[in-house]
Structures are given as C-alpha cells and as structure tokens.
Amino acid sequence: MFEFHADRKKYFDIQADNARKYVIPFISESFPVLPGQRVLEIGCGEGGVLKAFVEAGCEGVGVELDEPRVEDAKKFLPEEISSGKLKFVVRNIYDPLIETELNGLFDIILLKDVIEHIPDQPRLIGWMKKFLKPGGVIFFGFPPWYMPFGGHQQMCRSKISRLPWIHLLPRPFYKWILEKKKEPVSDMMEIRDTRISIERFERICKQAGYTIDHKRHYLLNPIYEWKFGWKPRKQIWPLRSIPFFRNFLTTCVYYIIKPVNA
C-alpha cells in the first residue's frame, strides 16, 4: 500500500488540492461553479473534494457509508460544519431515508473515484436525476477498469500493489492470488465485480436519459501530480477515439452529464 492511502489526512489534502486545480476548473468549462450553489458528493470519504467547493462559496452535502471516514471529516472540517456550510450523512445512498436528509435539490452532484465501487450503476445514475435542480449537472471521475491499476491493486500490501493489469487475470486465478498473498479478498473482488469501462459508462448514461456535456480522458491521472510527482497528461486524440483499446492506456476520465432536455 502506498503511504498516501494509509495517511487519511494526507489523502484528504490531496483530494482538496486536486479538486481546486482540476475538478472545479473542468466543471467550470461547461457549467459555472458559483457561490450559493448546492453541491452533493456521493461517496465523499473525508470530504476533501467538498472542501474545495465550500471554499468556492458553495454549500456542500456529503453522503458516505463508512462512518469512520466521516468521523475523520469532522476532525478536518470543524469550521465548515459548525457554520452550516457543510453537512455529512452516514447512510447507504439507496436507503429511502436519504431523500429527507438531503434536504432539497442540487446544482452539482459529484462522484469522484466512486462509480467503479457502486453495485447496480444504472440504478444509481438514473436515480440521481430527481435530486438535480433544473439545468443541474453530474460530475464523474473514475479509472476505467482495464487501465493498469483499474483493480485498485495499489491498495494491497504485498507486491501485488506494484503489478499493472494483474486484475485482468481470470476471476478464479486472481482470487487465488489474493488469498495466497493474504490480501482483502472480498474488497478486491467487489471492485472486480463492480468494474466499469468507458464504453459501458457512456452507454448507461445514454440509456438513463442523459447527454454527455463535457468529457476528458487522461493518459496520466491529475491526482498523480501529488501521488508520484507526475504532471497530468491528456490522452492523445487517436487513442481516445479507439473504443475498448483506449481503456488500457487511459488512467482516468472526467465527465459532465445532464438530463436530456434539461
């Protein structure tokens, strides 16, 4: 496991910096991020991404299933929470009670490195429509499944963490390796089972009644700037135009979608 995954405060700071420098500017290219807007983040973790939006004058609501991560968020963001600029909800996003706890509609919904962990992705993407204000948008940032570390094997503690594309091995063989190396098998296999490619994501969005308003594919993920000292690099046009193959060499994609006729 890399150091930044174990140090939650460091990871929080990385997420906030990445949102300031790359996520908010990307969204603003097609949808202005303005003070007073309501922003919902699904799978918000410790709230690093939301911190950047609150700094921009937005009101933030974060939904997170892992309560210890929200406890960390409370330690990292006490002023934002006490001032009412930021609220966290510890609940499964599919829980019916979530609707009252969100307290209204949103201008922007964020899913940063989350959709690849969500079961029944068509259900979630379709469900989010009812929480958007008219003209609102949804941001996605995620690693395509077939990219070198699309299985999140960098989270492992053994040498598996350094092996690109190992997650593409046949399911039984991959599971056997994880068991032999005493890795968190259930967590890693869950990621394998909820995997998503560029083509599948775009297909789900279209079927759920959305248009893709803006997109960017990266050869080098923007967050690598903090993790490895590598500058982000956009995917070159010939590669990003080749279906399926582009997944193997695209480490991150950013998308803005909105409901048709919104």
C-alpha atoms as a PDB file:
ATOM      1  CA  MET A   1       0.000   0.000   0.000  1.00  0.00           C
ATOM      2  CA  PHE A   2       1.288   3.451  -0.877  1.00  0.00           C
ATOM      3  CA  GLU A   3       1.785   5.887   2.025  1.00  0.00           C
ATOM      4  CA  PHE A   4      -0.924   8.323   0.965  1.00  0.00           C
ATOM      5  CA  HIS A   5      -3.594   5.630   1.233  1.00  0.00           C
ATOM      6  CA  ALA A   6      -2.720   4.959   4.883  1.00  0.00           C
ATOM      7  CA  ASP A   7      -2.470   8.618   5.954  1.00  0.00           C
ATOM      8  CA  ARG A   8      -6.071   9.840   5.753  1.00  0.00           C
ATOM      9  CA  LYS A   9      -5.205  13.497   6.445  1.00  0.00           C
ATOM     10  CA  LYS A  10      -2.650  13.487   3.648  1.00  0.00           C
ATOM     11  CA  TYR A  11      -5.165  11.850   1.320  1.00  0.00           C
ATOM     12  CA  PHE A  12      -7.774  14.441   2.352  1.00  0.00           C
ATOM     13  CA  ASP A  13      -5.345  17.259   1.470  1.00  0.00           C
ATOM     14  CA  ILE A  14      -4.529  15.634  -1.880  1.00  0.00           C
ATOM     15  CA  GLN A  15      -8.222  15.362  -2.764  1.00  0.00           C
ATOM     16  CA  ALA A  16      -8.832  19.014  -1.839  1.00  0.00           C
ATOM     17  CA  ASP A  17      -5.855  20.232  -3.901  1.00  0.00           C
ATOM     18  CA  ASN A  18      -6.855  18.073  -6.870  1.00  0.00           C
ATOM     19  CA  ALA A  19     -10.404  19.432  -6.752  1.00  0.00           C
ATOM     20  CA  ARG A  20      -9.179  23.039  -6.646  1.00  0.00           C
ATOM     21  CA  LYS A  21      -6.726  22.611  -9.502  1.00  0.00           C
ATOM     22  CA  TYR A  22      -8.505  20.165 -11.809  1.00  0.00           C
ATOM     23  CA  VAL A  23     -12.063  19.139 -10.862  1.00  0.00           C
ATOM     24  CA  ILE A  24     -13.592  22.599 -10.370  1.00  0.00           C
ATOM     25  CA  PRO A  25     -11.864  24.071 -13.462  1.00  0.00           C
ATOM     26  CA  PHE A  26     -13.054  21.109 -15.555  1.00  0.00           C
ATOM     27  CA  ILE A  27     -16.664  21.527 -14.410  1.00  0.00           C
ATOM     28  CA  SER A  28     -16.466  25.296 -14.931  1.00  0.00           C
ATOM     29  CA  GLU A  29     -15.569  24.822 -18.597  1.00  0.00           C
ATOM     30  CA  SER A  30     -19.196  23.822 -19.264  1.00  0.00           C
ATOM     31  CA  PHE A  31     -21.058  24.745 -16.069  1.00  0.00           C
ATOM     32  CA  PRO A  32     -20.001  27.741 -13.944  1.00  0.00           C
ATOM     33  CA  VAL A  33     -19.296  26.878 -10.289  1.00  0.00           C
ATOM     34  CA  LEU A  34     -20.758  29.814  -8.363  1.00  0.00           C
ATOM     35  CA  PRO A  35     -21.201  30.880  -4.719  1.00  0.00           C
ATOM     36  CA  GLY A  36     -24.513  29.763  -3.250  1.00  0.00           C
ATOM     37  CA  GLN A  37     -24.830  26.595  -5.318  1.00  0.00           C
ATOM     38  CA  ARG A  38     -25.724  23.345  -3.583  1.00  0.00           C
ATOM     39  CA  VAL A  39     -23.267  20.509  -4.164  1.00  0.00           C
ATOM     40  CA  LEU A  40     -23.839  16.845  -3.288  1.00  0.00           C
ATOM     41  CA  GLU A  41     -20.973  14.368  -3.203  1.00  0.00           C
ATOM     42  CA  ILE A  42     -21.783  10.665  -3.154  1.00  0.00           C
ATOM     43  CA  GLY A  43     -19.037   8.599  -1.546  1.00  0.00           C
ATOM     44  CA  CYS A  44     -17.404  11.721  -0.116  1.00  0.00           C
ATOM     45  CA  GLY A  45     -14.906   9.966   2.169  1.00  0.00           C
ATOM     46  CA  GLU A  46     -13.242  12.518   4.457  1.00  0.00           C
ATOM     47  CA  GLY A  47     -14.648  15.448   2.462  1.00  0.00           C
ATOM     48  CA  GLY A  48     -11.528  16.696   0.694  1.00  0.00           C
ATOM     49  CA  VAL A  49     -13.307  17.346  -2.611  1.00  0.00           C
ATOM     50  CA  LEU A  50     -16.198  19.108  -0.884  1.00  0.00           C
ATOM     51  CA  LYS A  51     -13.776  21.357   0.998  1.00  0.00           C
ATOM     52  CA  ALA A  52     -12.682  22.901  -2.303  1.00  0.00           C
ATOM     53  CA  PHE A  53     -16.305  23.590  -3.309  1.00  0.00           C
ATOM     54  CA  VAL A  54     -17.111  25.153   0.063  1.00  0.00           C
ATOM     55  CA  GLU A  55     -14.063  27.412  -0.358  1.00  0.00           C
ATOM     56  CA  ALA A  56     -15.609  28.485  -3.675  1.00  0.00           C
ATOM     57  CA  GLY A  57     -18.744  29.596  -1.813  1.00  0.00           C
ATOM     58  CA  CYS A  58     -20.902  26.519  -2.347  1.00  0.00           C
ATOM     59  CA  GLU A  59     -22.999  24.693   0.231  1.00  0.00           C
ATOM     60  CA  GLY A  60     -21.914  21.053   0.469  1.00  0.00           C
ATOM     61  CA  VAL A  61     -23.598  17.814   1.466  1.00  0.00           C
ATOM     62  CA  GLY A  62     -21.604  14.588   1.595  1.00  0.00           C
ATOM     63  CA  VAL A  63     -23.018  11.065   1.696  1.00  0.00           C
ATOM     64  CA  GLU A  64     -20.706   8.322   2.949  1.00  0.00           C
ATOM     65  CA  LEU A  65     -21.387   4.748   4.058  1.00  0.00           C
ATOM     66  CA  ASP A  66     -18.132   4.341   6.018  1.00  0.00           C
ATOM     67  CA  GLU A  67     -18.740   6.112   9.346  1.00  0.00           C
ATOM     68  CA  PRO A  68     -15.059   6.235  10.466  1.00  0.00           C
ATOM     69  CA  ARG A  69     -14.258   8.313   7.388  1.00  0.00           C
ATOM     70  CA  VAL A  70     -16.977  10.802   8.317  1.00  0.00           C
ATOM     71  CA  GLU A  71     -15.547  10.972  11.836  1.00  0.00           C
ATOM     72  CA  ASP A  72     -12.255  11.990  10.233  1.00  0.00           C
ATOM     73  CA  ALA A  73     -14.111  14.573   8.143  1.00  0.00           C
ATOM     74  CA  LYS A  74     -15.473  16.134  11.320  1.00  0.00           C
ATOM     75  CA  LYS A  75     -11.916  16.482  12.618  1.00  0.00           C
ATOM     76  CA  PHE A  76     -10.646  18.003   9.368  1.00  0.00           C
ATOM     77  CA  LEU A  77     -13.591  20.363   8.703  1.00  0.00           C
ATOM     78  CA  PRO A  78     -14.975  21.596  12.050  1.00  0.00           C
ATOM     79  CA  GLU A  79     -15.493  25.217  10.988  1.00  0.00           C
ATOM     80  CA  GLU A  80     -17.240  24.344   7.740  1.00  0.00           C
ATOM     81  CA  ILE A  81     -19.616  22.014   9.578  1.00  0.00           C
ATOM     82  CA  SER A  82     -20.328  24.333  12.524  1.00  0.00           C
ATOM     83  CA  SER A  83     -21.060  27.242  10.158  1.00  0.00           C
ATOM     84  CA  GLY A  84     -23.647  25.155   8.282  1.00  0.00           C
ATOM     85  CA  LYS A  85     -21.721  25.273   5.012  1.00  0.00           C
ATOM     86  CA  LEU A  86     -21.118  21.528   5.039  1.00  0.00           C
ATOM     87  CA  LYS A  87     -23.162  18.553   6.181  1.00  0.00           C
ATOM     88  CA  PHE A  88     -22.405  14.826   6.206  1.00  0.00           C
ATOM     89  CA  VAL A  89     -24.915  11.991   6.030  1.00  0.00           C
ATOM     90  CA  VAL A  90     -23.815   8.488   7.015  1.00  0.00           C
ATOM     91  CA  ARG A  91     -26.138   6.264   5.016  1.00  0.00           C
ATOM     92  CA  ASN A  92     -26.382   3.954   2.035  1.00  0.00           C
ATOM     93  CA  ILE A  93     -27.309   6.094  -0.954  1.00  0.00           C
ATOM     94  CA  TYR A  94     -30.135   3.666  -1.794  1.00  0.00           C
ATOM     95  CA  ASP A  95     -31.726   3.992   1.673  1.00  0.00           C
ATOM     96  CA  PRO A  96     -35.180   5.604   1.261  1.00  0.00           C
ATOM     97  CA  LEU A  97     -34.490   7.830   4.294  1.00  0.00           C
ATOM     98  CA  ILE A  98     -31.738   9.592   2.354  1.00  0.00           C
ATOM     99  CA  GLU A  99     -34.278  11.700   0.473  1.00  0.00           C
ATOM    100  CA  THR A 100     -35.353  13.705   3.512  1.00  0.00           C
ATOM    101  CA  GLU A 101     -31.796  14.011   4.839  1.00  0.00           C
ATOM    102  CA  LEU A 102     -30.523  15.618   1.637  1.00  0.00           C
ATOM    103  CA  ASN A 103     -32.959  18.491   2.218  1.00  0.00           C
ATOM    104  CA  GLY A 104     -33.586  19.629  -1.336  1.00  0.00           C
ATOM    105  CA  LEU A 105     -32.164  19.649  -4.843  1.00  0.00           C
ATOM    106  CA  PHE A 106     -28.622  20.274  -6.044  1.00  0.00           C
ATOM    107  CA  ASP A 107     -26.877  22.262  -8.750  1.00  0.00           C
ATOM    108  CA  ILE A 108     -23.973  19.800  -8.929  1.00  0.00           C
ATOM    109  CA  ILE A 109     -23.661  16.137  -7.939  1.00  0.00           C
ATOM    110  CA  LEU A 110     -20.147  14.701  -7.642  1.00  0.00           C
ATOM    111  CA  LEU A 111     -18.877  11.124  -7.879  1.00  0.00           C
ATOM    112  CA  LYS A 112     -15.079  11.169  -7.682  1.00  0.00           C
ATOM    113  CA  ASP A 113     -13.467   7.707  -7.782  1.00  0.00           C
ATOM    114  CA  VAL A 114     -16.771   6.193  -6.657  1.00  0.00           C
ATOM    115  CA  ILE A 115     -18.841   4.851  -9.566  1.00  0.00           C
ATOM    116  CA  GLU A 116     -16.429   1.924 -10.035  1.00  0.00           C
ATOM    117  CA  HIS A 117     -17.325   0.777  -6.491  1.00  0.00           C
ATOM    118  CA  ILE A 118     -21.112   1.055  -6.814  1.00  0.00           C
ATOM    119  CA  PRO A 119     -23.273  -2.017  -7.481  1.00  0.00           C
ATOM    120  CA  ASP A 120     -26.153  -1.567  -9.929  1.00  0.00           C
ATOM    121  CA  GLN A 121     -24.670   1.508 -11.593  1.00  0.00           C
ATOM    122  CA  PRO A 122     -27.616   2.044 -13.992  1.00  0.00           C
ATOM    123  CA  ARG A 123     -29.923   2.317 -10.992  1.00  0.00           C
ATOM    124  CA  LEU A 124     -27.768   4.966  -9.303  1.00  0.00           C
ATOM    125  CA  ILE A 125     -27.212   7.043 -12.417  1.00  0.00           C
ATOM    126  CA  GLY A 126     -30.932   7.047 -13.201  1.00  0.00           C
ATOM    127  CA  TRP A 127     -31.858   7.748  -9.559  1.00  0.00           C
ATOM    128  CA  MET A 128     -29.741  10.907  -9.329  1.00  0.00           C
ATOM    129  CA  LYS A 129     -31.951  12.817 -11.763  1.00  0.00           C
ATOM    130  CA  LYS A 130     -34.549  13.508  -9.105  1.00  0.00           C
ATOM    131  CA  PHE A 131     -32.002  15.331  -6.944  1.00  0.00           C
ATOM    132  CA  LEU A 132     -30.844  17.758  -9.631  1.00  0.00           C
ATOM    133  CA  LYS A 133     -32.170  21.276  -9.946  1.00  0.00           C
ATOM    134  CA  PRO A 134     -33.323  22.217 -13.467  1.00  0.00           C
ATOM    135  CA  GLY A 135     -30.154  22.672 -15.506  1.00  0.00           C
ATOM    136  CA  GLY A 136     -28.012  20.906 -12.896  1.00  0.00           C
ATOM    137  CA  VAL A 137     -25.145  18.577 -13.791  1.00  0.00           C
ATOM    138  CA  ILE A 138     -23.379  15.455 -12.531  1.00  0.00           C
ATOM    139  CA  PHE A 139     -19.592  15.084 -12.470  1.00  0.00           C
ATOM    140  CA  PHE A 140     -17.862  11.721 -12.666  1.00  0.00           C
ATOM    141  CA  GLY A 141     -14.168  10.998 -12.331  1.00  0.00           C
ATOM    142  CA  PHE A 142     -13.054   7.372 -12.384  1.00  0.00           C
ATOM    143  CA  PRO A 143     -10.352   4.965 -13.592  1.00  0.00           C
ATOM    144  CA  PRO A 144     -11.541   2.720 -16.432  1.00  0.00           C
ATOM    145  CA  TRP A 145     -11.461  -0.949 -15.405  1.00  0.00           C
ATOM    146  CA  TYR A 146      -8.896  -2.061 -17.987  1.00  0.00           C
ATOM    147  CA  MET A 147      -6.302   0.572 -17.130  1.00  0.00           C
ATOM    148  CA  PRO A 148      -3.053  -0.670 -15.472  1.00  0.00           C
ATOM    149  CA  PHE A 149      -4.350  -0.302 -11.900  1.00  0.00           C
ATOM    150  CA  GLY A 150      -8.091  -0.426 -12.574  1.00  0.00           C
ATOM    151  CA  GLY A 151      -8.491  -3.132  -9.926  1.00  0.00           C
ATOM    152  CA  HIS A 152      -7.205  -0.759  -7.210  1.00  0.00           C
ATOM    153  CA  GLN A 153      -4.449  -3.272  -6.516  1.00  0.00           C
ATOM    154  CA  GLN A 154      -2.320  -0.349  -5.331  1.00  0.00           C
ATOM    155  CA  MET A 155      -4.295  -0.705  -2.094  1.00  0.00           C
ATOM    156  CA  CYS A 156      -2.739  -4.121  -1.438  1.00  0.00           C
ATOM    157  CA  ARG A 157       0.145  -4.624   0.969  1.00  0.00           C
ATOM    158  CA  SER A 158       2.048  -7.283  -0.969  1.00  0.00           C
ATOM    159  CA  LYS A 159       3.932  -6.977  -4.269  1.00  0.00           C
ATOM    160  CA  ILE A 160       0.545  -7.198  -5.997  1.00  0.00           C
ATOM    161  CA  SER A 161       0.312  -3.451  -5.386  1.00  0.00           C
ATOM    162  CA  ARG A 162       3.037  -2.884  -7.981  1.00  0.00           C
ATOM    163  CA  LEU A 163       1.711  -5.193 -10.709  1.00  0.00           C
ATOM    164  CA  PRO A 164      -0.210  -3.494 -13.537  1.00  0.00           C
ATOM    165  CA  TRP A 165      -3.114  -5.335 -15.179  1.00  0.00           C
ATOM    166  CA  ILE A 166      -2.988  -8.243 -12.696  1.00  0.00           C
ATOM    167  CA  HIS A 167      -6.688  -7.627 -12.008  1.00  0.00           C
ATOM    168  CA  LEU A 168      -7.457  -8.739 -15.577  1.00  0.00           C
ATOM    169  CA  LEU A 169      -6.485 -12.335 -14.851  1.00  0.00           C
ATOM    170  CA  PRO A 170      -9.338 -14.884 -14.901  1.00  0.00           C
ATOM    171  CA  ARG A 171     -11.517 -14.423 -11.841  1.00  0.00           C
ATOM    172  CA  PRO A 172     -10.661 -17.726 -10.049  1.00  0.00           C
ATOM    173  CA  PHE A 173      -6.923 -17.248 -10.605  1.00  0.00           C
ATOM    174  CA  TYR A 174      -7.000 -13.617  -9.449  1.00  0.00           C
ATOM    175  CA  LYS A 175      -8.926 -14.604  -6.313  1.00  0.00           C
ATOM    176  CA  TRP A 176      -6.458 -17.406  -5.594  1.00  0.00           C
ATOM    177  CA  ILE A 177      -3.523 -14.977  -5.800  1.00  0.00           C
ATOM    178  CA  LEU A 178      -5.235 -12.541  -3.438  1.00  0.00           C
ATOM    179  CA  GLU A 179      -5.902 -15.327  -0.943  1.00  0.00           C
ATOM    180  CA  LYS A 180      -2.336 -16.615  -1.166  1.00  0.00           C
ATOM    181  CA  LYS A 181      -0.940 -13.137  -0.519  1.00  0.00           C
ATOM    182  CA  LYS A 182      -3.416 -12.612   2.370  1.00  0.00           C
ATOM    183  CA  GLU A 183      -4.962  -9.548   0.756  1.00  0.00           C
ATOM    184  CA  PRO A 184      -8.529  -8.294   1.481  1.00  0.00           C
ATOM    185  CA  VAL A 185     -10.160 -10.715  -0.930  1.00  0.00           C
ATOM    186  CA  SER A 186     -13.785  -9.625  -0.505  1.00  0.00           C
ATOM    187  CA  ASP A 187     -12.952  -5.929  -1.020  1.00  0.00           C
ATOM    188  CA  MET A 188     -10.799  -6.580  -4.071  1.00  0.00           C
ATOM    189  CA  MET A 189     -13.306  -8.942  -5.648  1.00  0.00           C
ATOM    190  CA  GLU A 190     -16.094  -6.443  -5.039  1.00  0.00           C
ATOM    191  CA  ILE A 191     -14.143  -3.902  -7.091  1.00  0.00           C
ATOM    192  CA  ARG A 192     -13.752  -6.509  -9.804  1.00  0.00           C
ATOM    193  CA  ASP A 193     -17.488  -7.206  -9.805  1.00  0.00           C
ATOM    194  CA  THR A 194     -18.483  -3.514  -9.984  1.00  0.00           C
ATOM    195  CA  ARG A 195     -15.919  -2.594 -12.640  1.00  0.00           C
ATOM    196  CA  ILE A 196     -16.826  -0.131 -15.356  1.00  0.00           C
ATOM    197  CA  SER A 197     -15.309   0.723 -18.737  1.00  0.00           C
ATOM    198  CA  ILE A 198     -15.548   3.950 -20.721  1.00  0.00           C
ATOM    199  CA  GLU A 199     -17.962   2.370 -23.195  1.00  0.00           C
ATOM    200  CA  ARG A 200     -20.209   0.884 -20.520  1.00  0.00           C
ATOM    201  CA  PHE A 201     -20.361   4.195 -18.653  1.00  0.00           C
ATOM    202  CA  GLU A 202     -21.340   6.136 -21.758  1.00  0.00           C
ATOM    203  CA  ARG A 203     -23.924   3.510 -22.674  1.00  0.00           C
ATOM    204  CA  ILE A 204     -25.518   3.624 -19.211  1.00  0.00           C
ATOM    205  CA  CYS A 205     -25.721   7.427 -19.336  1.00  0.00           C
ATOM    206  CA  LYS A 206     -27.444   7.359 -22.719  1.00  0.00           C
ATOM    207  CA  GLN A 207     -29.897   4.647 -21.660  1.00  0.00           C
ATOM    208  CA  ALA A 208     -30.711   6.551 -18.451  1.00  0.00           C
ATOM    209  CA  GLY A 209     -31.685   9.660 -20.427  1.00  0.00           C
ATOM    210  CA  TYR A 210     -28.584  11.851 -20.109  1.00  0.00           C
ATOM    211  CA  THR A 211     -26.431  13.733 -22.554  1.00  0.00           C
ATOM    212  CA  ILE A 212     -22.664  13.911 -22.141  1.00  0.00           C
ATOM    213  CA  ASP A 213     -21.986  17.626 -21.863  1.00  0.00           C
ATOM    214  CA  HIS A 214     -18.209  17.513 -21.445  1.00  0.00           C
ATOM    215  CA  LYS A 215     -15.508  14.854 -21.140  1.00  0.00           C
ATOM    216  CA  ARG A 216     -11.753  14.491 -20.812  1.00  0.00           C
ATOM    217  CA  HIS A 217      -9.620  11.365 -20.925  1.00  0.00           C
ATOM    218  CA  TYR A 218      -6.222  11.343 -19.232  1.00  0.00           C
ATOM    219  CA  LEU A 219      -3.151   9.321 -20.091  1.00  0.00           C
ATOM    220  CA  LEU A 220      -1.838  10.418 -16.662  1.00  0.00           C
ATOM    221  CA  ASN A 221      -4.416  10.998 -13.924  1.00  0.00           C
ATOM    222  CA  PRO A 222      -4.288  14.559 -12.486  1.00  0.00           C
ATOM    223  CA  ILE A 223      -4.006  13.158  -8.968  1.00  0.00           C
ATOM    224  CA  TYR A 224      -0.662  11.562  -9.902  1.00  0.00           C
ATOM    225  CA  GLU A 225       0.781  15.064  -9.545  1.00  0.00           C
ATOM    226  CA  TRP A 226       0.543  14.654  -5.768  1.00  0.00           C
ATOM    227  CA  LYS A 227       0.982  10.914  -5.541  1.00  0.00           C
ATOM    228  CA  PHE A 228       4.024  10.488  -7.763  1.00  0.00           C
ATOM    229  CA  GLY A 229       5.141  13.955  -8.856  1.00  0.00           C
ATOM    230  CA  TRP A 230       3.943  13.328 -12.434  1.00  0.00           C
ATOM    231  CA  LYS A 231       2.238  16.117 -14.332  1.00  0.00           C
ATOM    232  CA  PRO A 232      -1.189  15.172 -15.740  1.00  0.00           C
ATOM    233  CA  ARG A 233      -1.347  14.480 -19.427  1.00  0.00           C
ATOM    234  CA  LYS A 234      -4.456  14.336 -21.582  1.00  0.00           C
ATOM    235  CA  GLN A 235      -4.952  11.280 -23.734  1.00  0.00           C
ATOM    236  CA  ILE A 236      -3.940  11.884 -27.353  1.00  0.00           C
ATOM    237  CA  TRP A 237      -6.770  12.084 -29.882  1.00  0.00           C
ATOM    238  CA  PRO A 238      -6.032   8.908 -31.907  1.00  0.00           C
ATOM    239  CA  LEU A 239      -6.045   6.750 -28.759  1.00  0.00           C
ATOM    240  CA  ARG A 240      -9.080   8.283 -27.073  1.00  0.00           C
ATOM    241  CA  SER A 241     -11.089   7.688 -30.260  1.00  0.00           C
ATOM    242  CA  ILE A 242     -10.466   3.923 -30.354  1.00  0.00           C
ATOM    243  CA  PRO A 243     -13.239   2.109 -28.419  1.00  0.00           C
ATOM    244  CA  PHE A 244     -12.201  -0.503 -25.861  1.00  0.00           C
ATOM    245  CA  PHE A 245      -8.437  -0.291 -26.537  1.00  0.00           C
ATOM    246  CA  ARG A 246      -8.345   3.238 -25.057  1.00  0.00           C
ATOM    247  CA  ASN A 247      -9.348   1.787 -21.670  1.00  0.00           C
ATOM    248  CA  PHE A 248      -5.971   0.050 -21.298  1.00  0.00           C
ATOM    249  CA  LEU A 249      -3.949   3.266 -21.542  1.00  0.00           C
ATOM    250  CA  THR A 250      -6.327   5.806 -20.014  1.00  0.00           C
ATOM    251  CA  THR A 251      -5.758   6.112 -16.267  1.00  0.00           C
ATOM    252  CA  CYS A 252      -8.649   8.491 -15.556  1.00  0.00           C
ATOM    253  CA  VAL A 253     -11.696  10.022 -17.219  1.00  0.00           C
ATOM    254  CA  TYR A 254     -13.696  13.109 -16.276  1.00  0.00           C
ATOM    255  CA  TYR A 255     -17.311  13.508 -17.438  1.00  0.00           C
ATOM    256  CA  ILE A 256     -20.128  16.026 -17.045  1.00  0.00           C
ATOM    257  CA  ILE A 257     -23.588  14.676 -17.809  1.00  0.00           C
ATOM    258  CA  LYS A 258     -27.020  16.252 -17.600  1.00  0.00           C
ATOM    259  CA  PRO A 259     -30.567  15.021 -18.225  1.00  0.00           C
ATOM    260  CA  VAL A 260     -31.806  15.236 -21.781  1.00  0.00           C
ATOM    261  CA  ASN A 261     -33.717  18.490 -22.394  1.00  0.00           C
ATOM    262  CA  ALA A 262     -32.520  19.927 -19.075  1.00  0.00           C
END
